[in-house]
Amino acid sequence: MPPVRLIVLAAGKGTRMRSALPKVLHRLAGKPLLAHVLDTVAALEPASVTVVVGHGAEQVRETIEASARAAARAPAGVTSRPPEEGLRGLDLRWALQERQLGTGHAVRQGLDGIGDDEAVLITYGDVPLTRSETYRALLETCDAETLGLLTLMAEDPTGYGRVLRDDGAVVGVVEQKDATEEELGIREINAGVLALRGGVLRSLIGEIGNDNAQGEYYLTDIFALAVRQGLGIRAVHPDDAWEVDGVNSRAQLARLERLYQRNVAERVMAAGVTLADPARFDVRGTLETGVDCRIDVNCVFEGTCTLGADVCIGPNCTISDSHVADGAVILANSVLEGAEVGPGASIGPFARLRPGTRLAARARVGNFVETKNATLGEGSKANHLSYIGDGEVGAGANIGAGTITCNYDGANKHRTRIGDGAFIGSNTALVAPVEIGAGATVGAGSTIGRDVPPGHLALTRAEQQHVDGWQRPAKKPPSPESGA
């Protein structure tokens, strides 16, 4: 196959979205529609991809280029692909369609740099679910004398251009607004995606006129022109109808979201994962799983996530850019962000692990515990109502309820170090920088601002006092004047 060039049409406003955001930047599974398309076509290893933008052009370009920069910074060869990895190394170009005069006019803006003998694939920034295999099959049909067209037999063809055939051969496409009553009865629709050689495209696109109901330059007119020049047209059909579904409204976007998530759920279950309800499971990035994982309802996975074997996740959890090792348990309503969870560790319910959290094997972070930039050693536990920020906790340590590391002095962050086997009593404030030695004990209710040697007991409670005969204050009776 000759070098492949892509033209992605992304200039439309998307009036039916009723949004200030350009349509191609609306998100599906946490990623802009256009980014889905670019990530998919990257698998074709194209020589270049030209995105034709119009409405909100600068915003579209800035958003996608920011994703490309993030992909370039991500380490190569990681086990789980970053969500935008397809943008890594992509020769991304931009063309501006200042006036939206139709798809044919938009394609003209993207012709620069395309050689006559190169294969050109034209697709759309608001059609996010087409498979790369479908694109590849379409490209394989085109040569110097043949165009490839993606078509579909639709139960309800309303709104789509109809594919015209003569004795079985494709001879053109007519838009619905220009179709006759007989043509409106055709069920084969034009999906809008086509492949052809650069020289053929350049010669045909210049002949497209705008003598139609909309006064626009229709890209679909290219097929009738091709037939007149003796060129052939081969139709390719996608494996699934949803591959050609575009987004023109929020209702369509919501429908594609569920289609996308259903497909992910089916892949995850086929890999050996039990989902309590596949319809209440969302992946907004990439998720890799070991066998025999169990995931309850309403769990959301964002960014790059990996689960080892036999991981159990309770309902209503959100896990972002985290790795969870074999046999770990995450109980209901927990949030993990940029965390590493060791084998057999236990989290939650209602726990929050913020970026930089590292739990060793069998560590325990319980209900209403928050950690940030902290490590918990093997078998250590913080079971209730505590905050560990910028902390290092050794193996086998116990953090009592209500313990906090006071890591911020108003200007700088400081670290707290807790040694192996240390015991921190409830309602303790550890004022960093401070170190609690191995085997040390801190009495409940203490405020510790100096290092505690290994094996020592530290406590700062005031002496308890008793007052004999203490009379508790009583409420005064209401006065007659009050009317009570």
Protein backbone atom coordinates (compact mmCIF):
# COMPACT_ATOMS: atom_id res chain seq x y z
CA MET A 1 0.00 0.00 0.00
CA PRO A 2 1.32 3.49 -0.82
CA PRO A 3 1.78 6.09 1.92
CA VAL A 4 -1.52 6.96 3.62
CA ARG A 5 -2.69 10.51 4.27
CA LEU A 6 -5.70 11.30 6.44
CA ILE A 7 -8.13 14.19 6.14
CA VAL A 8 -10.37 14.49 9.20
CA LEU A 9 -13.30 16.88 8.84
CA ALA A 10 -13.92 18.66 12.14
CA ALA A 11 -15.15 22.14 11.22
CA GLY A 12 -18.84 21.89 12.13
CA LYS A 13 -20.44 23.85 14.94
CA GLY A 14 -22.84 21.16 16.07
CA THR A 15 -25.90 23.38 16.47
CA ARG A 16 -28.04 20.61 17.92
CA MET A 17 -25.57 20.11 20.77
CA ARG A 18 -26.63 23.55 22.08
CA SER A 19 -23.18 24.15 23.49
CA ALA A 20 -20.43 26.76 23.42
CA LEU A 21 -17.96 23.86 23.16
CA PRO A 22 -17.08 22.76 19.60
CA LYS A 23 -18.84 19.49 18.87
CA VAL A 24 -15.69 17.43 18.31
CA LEU A 25 -14.46 18.37 21.81
CA HIS A 26 -17.45 16.88 23.59
CA ARG A 27 -16.25 13.85 25.52
CA LEU A 28 -16.97 10.19 25.03
CA ALA A 29 -15.56 7.94 27.75
CA GLY A 30 -13.62 10.90 29.12
CA LYS A 31 -11.90 11.77 25.83
CA PRO A 32 -12.85 14.29 23.09
CA LEU A 33 -14.62 12.78 20.10
CA LEU A 34 -11.84 13.99 17.80
CA ALA A 35 -9.18 12.39 20.01
CA HIS A 36 -10.95 9.02 19.62
CA VAL A 37 -10.74 9.35 15.85
CA LEU A 38 -7.09 10.37 15.90
CA ASP A 39 -6.19 7.58 18.30
CA THR A 40 -7.82 5.06 15.96
CA VAL A 41 -6.31 6.28 12.70
CA ALA A 42 -2.86 6.34 14.30
CA ALA A 43 -2.97 2.54 14.09
CA LEU A 44 -2.82 2.93 10.30
CA GLU A 45 0.62 4.58 10.67
CA PRO A 46 -0.30 7.42 8.31
CA ALA A 47 2.28 9.72 6.79
CA SER A 48 0.21 12.65 8.06
CA VAL A 49 -3.19 13.56 9.45
CA THR A 50 -4.75 16.88 8.43
CA VAL A 51 -7.62 18.07 10.62
CA VAL A 52 -9.90 20.58 8.93
CA VAL A 53 -11.26 22.91 11.61
CA GLY A 54 -13.67 25.83 11.52
CA HIS A 55 -15.94 26.60 14.45
CA GLY A 56 -13.83 27.01 17.59
CA ALA A 57 -10.69 26.23 15.57
CA GLU A 58 -8.20 27.53 18.13
CA GLN A 59 -9.89 25.72 21.00
CA VAL A 60 -9.95 22.46 19.06
CA ARG A 61 -6.30 22.78 18.09
CA GLU A 62 -5.14 23.73 21.59
CA THR A 63 -7.03 20.85 23.21
CA ILE A 64 -5.74 18.19 20.85
CA GLU A 65 -2.17 19.48 20.83
CA ALA A 66 -2.19 19.48 24.64
CA SER A 67 -3.18 15.81 24.52
CA ALA A 68 -0.40 15.13 22.01
CA ARG A 69 2.15 16.79 24.29
CA ALA A 70 0.92 14.71 27.23
CA ALA A 71 1.27 11.55 25.15
CA ALA A 72 4.82 12.54 24.16
CA ARG A 73 5.76 12.97 27.84
CA ALA A 74 4.32 9.60 28.87
CA PRO A 75 6.98 6.86 29.20
CA ALA A 76 7.12 4.52 26.22
CA GLY A 77 6.63 0.83 26.67
CA VAL A 78 4.40 0.99 29.72
CA THR A 79 2.17 -1.99 30.34
CA SER A 80 -1.02 0.00 30.02
CA ARG A 81 -1.34 2.53 27.21
CA PRO A 82 -2.01 6.15 28.09
CA PRO A 83 -5.48 7.12 26.81
CA GLU A 84 -4.01 9.36 24.11
CA GLU A 85 -1.02 7.22 23.18
CA GLY A 86 -2.16 7.10 19.57
CA LEU A 87 -1.20 10.78 19.29
CA ARG A 88 2.42 10.01 20.15
CA GLY A 89 4.55 10.81 17.10
CA LEU A 90 1.56 11.53 14.85
CA ASP A 91 2.29 14.10 12.11
CA LEU A 92 -0.71 16.25 12.92
CA ARG A 93 -1.52 19.14 10.61
CA TRP A 94 -4.27 21.73 10.65
CA ALA A 95 -6.31 23.37 7.89
CA LEU A 96 -8.87 26.12 8.40
CA GLN A 97 -12.30 26.23 6.75
CA GLU A 98 -13.27 29.80 7.51
CA ARG A 99 -16.74 29.50 5.95
CA GLN A 100 -18.66 26.25 6.27
CA LEU A 101 -19.64 25.69 2.64
CA GLY A 102 -20.04 21.92 2.77
CA THR A 103 -17.93 18.79 3.05
CA GLY A 104 -16.52 19.09 -0.46
CA HIS A 105 -15.29 22.59 0.32
CA ALA A 106 -13.81 21.35 3.61
CA VAL A 107 -11.81 18.62 1.84
CA ARG A 108 -10.32 21.21 -0.51
CA GLN A 109 -8.77 22.95 2.51
CA GLY A 110 -6.92 19.77 3.47
CA LEU A 111 -5.25 18.89 0.16
CA ASP A 112 -1.88 20.54 0.77
CA GLY A 113 1.02 18.11 0.92
CA ILE A 114 -0.85 15.13 -0.53
CA GLY A 115 0.88 13.37 -3.43
CA ASP A 116 -1.01 12.09 -6.46
CA ASP A 117 0.01 8.46 -5.88
CA GLU A 118 -0.69 8.47 -2.14
CA ALA A 119 -3.77 6.87 -0.59
CA VAL A 120 -6.13 9.35 1.06
CA LEU A 121 -8.65 8.41 3.73
CA ILE A 122 -11.34 10.99 4.49
CA THR A 123 -13.26 10.64 7.75
CA TYR A 124 -15.03 12.74 10.38
CA GLY A 125 -14.11 14.05 13.81
CA ASP A 126 -17.58 13.35 15.22
CA VAL A 127 -17.70 9.64 14.26
CA PRO A 128 -15.64 8.16 17.10
CA LEU A 129 -16.22 4.39 17.07
CA THR A 130 -15.06 3.27 13.62
CA ARG A 131 -12.52 0.46 13.97
CA SER A 132 -9.05 0.78 12.48
CA GLU A 133 -9.66 -2.58 10.73
CA THR A 134 -12.60 -1.02 8.90
CA TYR A 135 -10.47 1.91 7.78
CA ARG A 136 -7.77 -0.48 6.63
CA ALA A 137 -10.22 -2.57 4.60
CA LEU A 138 -11.46 0.61 2.92
CA LEU A 139 -7.93 1.70 2.02
CA GLU A 140 -7.20 -1.69 0.47
CA THR A 141 -10.04 -1.21 -2.05
CA CYS A 142 -8.73 1.99 -3.60
CA ASP A 143 -6.21 2.35 -6.40
CA ALA A 144 -5.61 4.71 -9.31
CA GLU A 145 -8.89 3.62 -10.93
CA THR A 146 -11.08 2.82 -7.91
CA LEU A 147 -12.59 4.66 -4.96
CA GLY A 148 -13.55 2.98 -1.69
CA LEU A 149 -16.81 3.95 0.02
CA LEU A 150 -18.06 2.92 3.45
CA THR A 151 -21.76 2.04 3.29
CA LEU A 152 -24.33 0.38 5.51
CA MET A 153 -27.75 -1.22 5.16
CA ALA A 154 -29.86 0.75 7.63
CA GLU A 155 -33.23 -0.19 9.10
CA ASP A 156 -34.06 3.52 9.18
CA PRO A 157 -32.02 5.49 6.61
CA THR A 158 -33.62 8.82 7.54
CA GLY A 159 -31.12 11.67 7.50
CA TYR A 160 -28.44 9.85 5.51
CA GLY A 161 -27.38 10.07 1.90
CA ARG A 162 -28.61 7.13 -0.19
CA VAL A 163 -26.23 4.98 -2.23
CA LEU A 164 -27.29 4.74 -5.86
CA ARG A 165 -26.55 1.55 -7.78
CA ASP A 166 -26.97 0.49 -11.38
CA ASP A 167 -26.98 -3.24 -12.01
CA GLY A 168 -25.23 -3.68 -8.65
CA ALA A 169 -22.48 -1.15 -9.25
CA VAL A 170 -22.28 2.02 -7.15
CA VAL A 171 -22.91 5.01 -9.41
CA GLY A 172 -23.44 7.82 -6.91
CA VAL A 173 -24.79 9.13 -3.63
CA VAL A 174 -27.75 11.45 -3.22
CA GLU A 175 -28.35 13.52 -0.09
CA GLN A 176 -31.74 13.08 1.55
CA LYS A 177 -32.81 16.66 0.88
CA ASP A 178 -32.18 16.18 -2.83
CA ALA A 179 -33.55 12.62 -3.14
CA THR A 180 -36.66 11.64 -5.06
CA GLU A 181 -39.44 9.62 -3.43
CA GLU A 182 -38.05 6.47 -5.05
CA GLU A 183 -34.52 7.23 -3.86
CA LEU A 184 -35.76 7.86 -0.32
CA GLY A 185 -36.82 4.19 -0.25
CA ILE A 186 -33.20 3.02 -0.61
CA ARG A 187 -31.86 1.46 2.59
CA GLU A 188 -28.16 1.47 1.73
CA ILE A 189 -26.68 4.63 3.19
CA ASN A 190 -23.44 6.50 2.76
CA ALA A 191 -21.40 6.47 5.96
CA GLY A 192 -19.35 9.39 4.64
CA VAL A 193 -15.93 7.76 4.86
CA LEU A 194 -14.05 7.21 1.63
CA ALA A 195 -10.63 6.28 0.32
CA LEU A 196 -9.01 7.22 -2.97
CA ARG A 197 -5.70 8.23 -4.49
CA GLY A 198 -4.51 11.82 -4.09
CA GLY A 199 -4.47 12.58 -7.81
CA VAL A 200 -8.00 11.25 -8.26
CA LEU A 201 -9.23 13.32 -5.31
CA ARG A 202 -7.59 16.49 -6.57
CA SER A 203 -9.07 16.12 -10.06
CA LEU A 204 -12.59 15.34 -8.86
CA ILE A 205 -12.90 17.79 -5.99
CA GLY A 206 -12.39 20.77 -8.29
CA GLU A 207 -15.41 19.77 -10.36
CA ILE A 208 -17.91 19.68 -7.49
CA GLY A 209 -20.56 22.39 -7.75
CA ASN A 210 -23.13 23.72 -5.30
CA ASP A 211 -26.32 23.44 -7.35
CA ASN A 212 -28.38 21.73 -4.63
CA ALA A 213 -30.99 22.46 -1.97
CA GLN A 214 -28.38 23.69 0.51
CA GLY A 215 -26.16 25.61 -1.90
CA GLU A 216 -23.19 23.65 -0.53
CA TYR A 217 -20.34 21.69 -2.09
CA TYR A 218 -21.21 18.09 -1.28
CA LEU A 219 -18.35 15.64 -1.07
CA THR A 220 -20.83 12.95 -2.11
CA ASP A 221 -21.02 14.45 -5.61
CA ILE A 222 -17.56 13.02 -6.15
CA PHE A 223 -18.99 9.57 -6.86
CA ALA A 224 -21.15 10.52 -9.82
CA LEU A 225 -18.19 12.48 -11.22
CA ALA A 226 -15.95 9.43 -10.76
CA VAL A 227 -18.37 7.19 -12.66
CA ARG A 228 -18.47 9.68 -15.54
CA GLN A 229 -14.70 9.46 -15.75
CA GLY A 230 -14.83 5.67 -15.89
CA LEU A 231 -13.61 5.09 -12.35
CA GLY A 232 -14.96 2.26 -10.21
CA ILE A 233 -16.46 2.48 -6.73
CA ARG A 234 -16.22 -0.37 -4.24
CA ALA A 235 -18.42 -0.43 -1.17
CA VAL A 236 -17.08 -1.69 2.15
CA HIS A 237 -19.38 -2.51 5.06
CA PRO A 238 -18.41 -2.24 8.74
CA ASP A 239 -18.87 -5.24 11.01
CA ASP A 240 -21.25 -3.30 13.26
CA ALA A 241 -23.66 -0.50 12.44
CA TRP A 242 -22.52 1.62 15.39
CA GLU A 243 -19.11 2.07 13.76
CA VAL A 244 -20.59 4.75 11.50
CA ASP A 245 -22.76 6.48 14.10
CA GLY A 246 -21.98 10.18 14.42
CA VAL A 247 -22.76 12.65 17.16
CA ASN A 248 -25.10 15.52 16.40
CA SER A 249 -26.93 15.83 19.72
CA ARG A 250 -26.40 15.10 23.39
CA ALA A 251 -28.86 12.22 23.14
CA GLN A 252 -26.71 10.62 20.42
CA LEU A 253 -23.61 11.22 22.52
CA ALA A 254 -25.21 9.47 25.49
CA ARG A 255 -26.21 6.52 23.31
CA LEU A 256 -22.67 6.13 21.96
CA GLU A 257 -21.30 6.37 25.50
CA ARG A 258 -23.31 3.30 26.49
CA LEU A 259 -22.30 1.50 23.30
CA TYR A 260 -18.66 2.22 24.02
CA GLN A 261 -18.95 1.10 27.65
CA ARG A 262 -20.84 -2.03 26.67
CA ASN A 263 -18.03 -2.99 24.30
CA VAL A 264 -15.43 -2.40 27.01
CA ALA A 265 -17.48 -4.41 29.50
CA GLU A 266 -17.72 -7.34 27.10
CA ARG A 267 -13.94 -7.32 26.56
CA VAL A 268 -13.29 -7.15 30.30
CA MET A 269 -15.66 -10.02 31.05
CA ALA A 270 -14.12 -12.10 28.25
CA ALA A 271 -10.75 -11.57 29.98
CA GLY A 272 -12.01 -13.21 33.18
CA VAL A 273 -13.62 -10.39 35.19
CA THR A 274 -17.01 -10.56 36.90
CA LEU A 275 -19.07 -7.38 36.58
CA ALA A 276 -22.07 -7.13 38.89
CA ASP A 277 -23.87 -5.12 36.20
CA PRO A 278 -22.14 -4.40 32.86
CA ALA A 279 -24.53 -1.48 32.31
CA ARG A 280 -23.18 0.27 35.41
CA PHE A 281 -19.46 0.15 34.64
CA ASP A 282 -17.42 2.95 33.05
CA VAL A 283 -13.89 3.09 31.71
CA ARG A 284 -12.60 6.55 30.76
CA GLY A 285 -9.12 5.61 29.67
CA THR A 286 -7.52 2.17 29.70
CA LEU A 287 -8.06 -0.72 32.08
CA GLU A 288 -6.01 -3.91 32.21
CA THR A 289 -7.15 -6.72 34.44
CA GLY A 290 -6.03 -10.05 35.79
CA VAL A 291 -8.33 -13.04 36.04
CA ASP A 292 -11.05 -13.50 38.66
CA CYS A 293 -11.47 -9.82 39.51
CA ARG A 294 -14.87 -8.81 40.81
CA ILE A 295 -16.23 -5.31 40.21
CA ASP A 296 -19.47 -4.12 41.75
CA VAL A 297 -21.85 -1.50 40.32
CA ASN A 298 -21.15 2.16 39.54
CA CYS A 299 -17.36 1.89 39.45
CA VAL A 300 -15.45 4.35 37.25
CA PHE A 301 -11.91 3.82 35.96
CA GLU A 302 -10.08 6.87 34.63
CA GLY A 303 -6.71 7.35 32.95
CA THR A 304 -4.44 4.31 33.04
CA CYS A 305 -5.49 1.62 35.51
CA THR A 306 -4.30 -1.94 36.07
CA LEU A 307 -5.80 -4.60 38.31
CA GLY A 308 -4.00 -7.77 39.28
CA ALA A 309 -5.69 -11.15 39.68
CA ASP A 310 -8.45 -11.71 42.23
CA VAL A 311 -8.98 -8.03 43.00
CA CYS A 312 -12.34 -7.21 44.57
CA ILE A 313 -13.83 -3.72 44.14
CA GLY A 314 -17.00 -2.68 45.95
CA PRO A 315 -19.71 -0.39 44.62
CA ASN A 316 -19.38 3.32 43.80
CA CYS A 317 -15.58 3.45 43.61
CA THR A 318 -13.56 5.78 41.39
CA ILE A 319 -10.06 4.65 40.43
CA SER A 320 -7.75 6.92 38.44
CA ASP A 321 -4.22 6.23 37.14
CA SER A 322 -3.67 3.54 39.74
CA HIS A 323 -2.25 0.03 40.01
CA VAL A 324 -3.93 -2.50 42.27
CA ALA A 325 -2.01 -5.73 42.90
CA ASP A 326 -3.28 -9.30 43.27
CA GLY A 327 -5.83 -10.03 45.95
CA ALA A 328 -6.38 -6.44 47.06
CA VAL A 329 -9.81 -5.42 48.29
CA ILE A 330 -11.32 -1.96 47.71
CA LEU A 331 -14.52 -1.49 49.65
CA ALA A 332 -17.48 0.72 48.77
CA ASN A 333 -17.27 4.45 47.98
CA SER A 334 -13.48 4.67 47.89
CA VAL A 335 -11.46 6.99 45.63
CA LEU A 336 -7.96 6.19 44.35
CA GLU A 337 -5.90 8.74 42.41
CA GLY A 338 -2.38 7.92 41.28
CA ALA A 339 -2.01 5.19 43.88
CA GLU A 340 -0.15 1.87 44.03
CA VAL A 341 -1.87 -0.80 46.10
CA GLY A 342 0.13 -3.84 47.14
CA PRO A 343 -1.01 -7.47 47.13
CA GLY A 344 -3.65 -8.32 49.69
CA ALA A 345 -4.06 -4.72 50.80
CA SER A 346 -7.45 -3.48 52.00
CA ILE A 347 -8.97 -0.05 51.36
CA GLY A 348 -12.18 1.56 52.55
CA PRO A 349 -15.02 1.88 52.75
CA PHE A 350 -15.06 5.66 52.16
CA ALA A 351 -11.26 5.94 51.86
CA ARG A 352 -9.39 8.39 49.65
CA LEU A 353 -5.91 7.63 48.33
CA ARG A 354 -4.46 10.69 46.64
CA PRO A 355 -1.49 10.83 44.25
CA GLY A 356 1.76 9.40 45.54
CA THR A 357 0.15 6.88 47.89
CA ARG A 358 1.96 3.54 48.04
CA LEU A 359 0.58 0.65 50.08
CA ALA A 360 2.74 -2.41 50.67
CA ALA A 361 1.39 -5.96 50.94
CA ARG A 362 -1.51 -6.40 53.37
CA ALA A 363 -1.54 -2.75 54.39
CA ARG A 364 -4.89 -1.42 55.51
CA VAL A 365 -6.48 2.00 54.94
CA GLY A 366 -9.93 2.08 56.49
CA ASN A 367 -13.03 4.21 56.50
CA PHE A 368 -12.69 7.97 56.19
CA VAL A 369 -8.90 7.81 55.94
CA GLU A 370 -7.12 10.10 53.48
CA THR A 371 -3.54 9.64 52.29
CA LYS A 372 -1.38 11.77 50.02
CA ASN A 373 2.23 11.25 48.94
CA ALA A 374 2.49 8.62 51.63
CA THR A 375 3.74 5.06 51.98
CA LEU A 376 2.41 2.39 54.32
CA GLY A 377 4.66 -0.57 54.95
CA GLU A 378 3.73 -4.22 54.93
CA GLY A 379 0.89 -5.01 57.32
CA SER A 380 0.55 -1.45 58.59
CA LYS A 381 -2.91 -0.07 59.19
CA ALA A 382 -4.77 3.18 59.55
CA ASN A 383 -8.28 1.98 60.17
CA HIS A 384 -10.35 5.07 60.91
CA LEU A 385 -10.71 8.80 60.38
CA SER A 386 -7.08 9.77 59.82
CA TYR A 387 -4.97 11.84 57.45
CA ILE A 388 -1.48 10.77 56.40
CA GLY A 389 0.14 13.30 54.09
CA ASP A 390 3.82 13.34 53.11
CA GLY A 391 4.40 10.41 55.42
CA GLU A 392 6.43 7.22 55.54
CA VAL A 393 5.00 4.45 57.70
CA GLY A 394 7.09 1.34 58.28
CA ALA A 395 5.93 -2.27 58.47
CA GLY A 396 3.48 -3.42 61.11
CA ALA A 397 2.65 0.04 62.41
CA ASN A 398 -0.75 1.03 63.79
CA ILE A 399 -2.23 4.49 63.23
CA GLY A 400 -5.10 5.22 65.61
CA ALA A 401 -8.36 6.94 64.76
CA GLY A 402 -8.21 10.70 64.42
CA THR A 403 -4.45 10.83 63.76
CA ILE A 404 -3.16 13.51 61.41
CA THR A 405 0.25 14.39 60.06
CA CYS A 406 0.56 18.18 60.17
CA ASN A 407 2.63 18.37 57.01
CA TYR A 408 2.09 21.98 55.87
CA ASP A 409 3.46 25.01 57.71
CA GLY A 410 1.71 27.53 55.48
CA ALA A 411 4.58 27.71 53.01
CA ASN A 412 6.28 24.32 52.72
CA LYS A 413 5.45 20.62 53.05
CA HIS A 414 7.36 18.46 55.54
CA ARG A 415 7.58 14.71 56.03
CA THR A 416 6.61 12.48 58.93
CA ARG A 417 8.44 9.17 59.38
CA ILE A 418 6.94 6.39 61.48
CA GLY A 419 9.11 3.35 62.13
CA ASP A 420 8.32 -0.36 62.00
CA GLY A 421 5.92 -1.55 64.66
CA ALA A 422 5.17 1.91 66.02
CA PHE A 423 1.81 2.54 67.68
CA ILE A 424 0.14 5.93 67.30
CA GLY A 425 -2.75 6.47 69.69
CA SER A 426 -6.04 8.00 68.68
CA ASN A 427 -6.49 11.75 68.22
CA THR A 428 -2.79 12.42 67.78
CA ALA A 429 -1.24 15.29 65.83
CA LEU A 430 2.24 14.61 64.42
CA VAL A 431 3.76 17.99 63.58
CA ALA A 432 6.23 17.51 60.72
CA PRO A 433 9.09 17.27 60.27
CA VAL A 434 9.11 14.55 62.90
CA GLU A 435 10.22 10.93 63.23
CA ILE A 436 8.64 8.25 65.39
CA GLY A 437 11.15 5.49 66.01
CA ALA A 438 10.60 1.78 65.48
CA GLY A 439 8.49 0.21 68.22
CA ALA A 440 7.69 3.59 69.78
CA THR A 441 4.27 4.38 71.24
CA VAL A 442 2.47 7.70 71.16
CA GLY A 443 -0.29 8.10 73.72
CA ALA A 444 -3.75 9.07 72.58
CA GLY A 445 -4.53 12.76 72.41
CA SER A 446 -0.89 13.84 72.04
CA THR A 447 0.64 16.56 69.91
CA ILE A 448 4.13 15.43 68.92
CA GLY A 449 6.56 18.01 67.58
CA ARG A 450 9.89 16.33 68.45
CA ASP A 451 11.38 13.02 67.37
CA VAL A 452 10.46 9.99 69.51
CA PRO A 453 13.31 7.48 70.03
CA PRO A 454 12.72 3.81 69.17
CA GLY A 455 10.83 1.90 71.80
CA HIS A 456 9.89 4.99 73.85
CA LEU A 457 6.48 6.15 74.99
CA ALA A 458 5.61 9.76 74.18
CA LEU A 459 2.56 11.61 75.41
CA THR A 460 1.66 15.26 75.86
CA ARG A 461 -1.71 15.12 77.60
CA ALA A 462 -2.40 17.55 80.43
CA GLU A 463 -2.85 15.97 83.84
CA GLN A 464 -6.43 14.88 84.45
CA GLN A 465 -8.12 16.67 87.34
CA HIS A 466 -11.30 15.88 89.35
CA VAL A 467 -13.35 18.48 91.21
CA ASP A 468 -15.38 17.02 94.05
CA GLY A 469 -18.88 18.38 94.48
CA TRP A 470 -18.97 20.10 91.12
CA GLN A 471 -22.36 21.64 90.40
CA ARG A 472 -23.35 21.61 86.78
CA PRO A 473 -24.83 24.94 85.60
CA ALA A 474 -28.62 24.91 85.42
CA LYS A 475 -30.94 26.83 83.15
CA LYS A 476 -32.63 29.82 84.72
CA PRO A 477 -36.45 29.57 85.01
CA PRO A 478 -38.31 31.89 82.64
CA SER A 479 -39.40 35.20 84.10
CA PRO A 480 -43.10 36.09 84.23
CA GLU A 481 -42.46 39.02 81.88
CA SER A 482 -41.22 36.69 79.16
CA GLY A 483 -44.65 35.13 78.70
CA ALA A 484 -43.16 31.67 78.43
